[in-house]
């Protein structure tokens, strides 16, 4: 296993794998990865800022090393509930959320539902509105609809040709050398080694529903907190037009478009992203929070 050692905590019946790094008593940044990655995505961002912040970076259910009962809720709402429970375990009351891809969608739900805890929101090449699932994920969903076909495809090593490696990871960076074979292997490792992990990934794929982000979109303008949108100018999956829409719909959000950068911004531009997050988080934590509740229930109460 590459990256930092992962910790495991029981949350709502799941066993959440996560990074718990940095300054334990420092300002807390919650890093949420997307599909098809894991908390390993954030290793270089954490390395750049770990002397200043406390980082909590979970593996979402169906990805990485998090495990749970197979009938667990793999939806965005279910993921948000697990993240909230993990924050409860660490008694993290004031956090800045940073989300990439579907992790950005989970971050949107958390920001809307946990406004009393969230001091800022950073969306990095984020799923939003109806811009997802993207075509390569839709292809995997069609295969996942048939359990035997899904396991047969993974067993014979077809995952590379179906999307994760060739169509997913390497298309997700501007320059293919920025996503090496060792990195791809770490993302795929849990699914290669465990039938259960492959089943959880299948459940996640089948649960993906942009209805959750389409409903959330109607409330984005109610967010009363600092927000920042960061995007790769050469994102092959989510064009930068989505970034402009998000930054317009969230009041006061700043927009940063990184040239010569694809979808996996934390892989290609970790240093620059870390700098943007640092500047943003300093201001967010210095700001006196507005303890406003937009009316969403806490996820743990669902």
Foldseek 3Di string as FASTA:
>chain_A
DDADQWDWDDFPQKTKTWDWAADLPAAEEEEEEAPLFFLSLQRLLCVVCRPHYTYIYIGQWLFDDIGGPLPQDLELLSRLRRVVRVCVVSVQQAYAYEYAAQRLVSQLVCCQANVRHYLEYEYEPYDAAPLDDFPLLVQLLVQLVDVVSLVVCVQVPVPCVSDQNPNNPQLQWLHSVLQDPVNSCNRCVVVNPDPSSSSRNSVNSNNYDNVSRNVSLVCQCVRDHEYEYEYECAAPRRHCVVVVVSQVSHPPYYYHYHYNTYRSCSSPPSPVVSVVCVVRVVVSVVDDRDNDRPPHHHSNVD
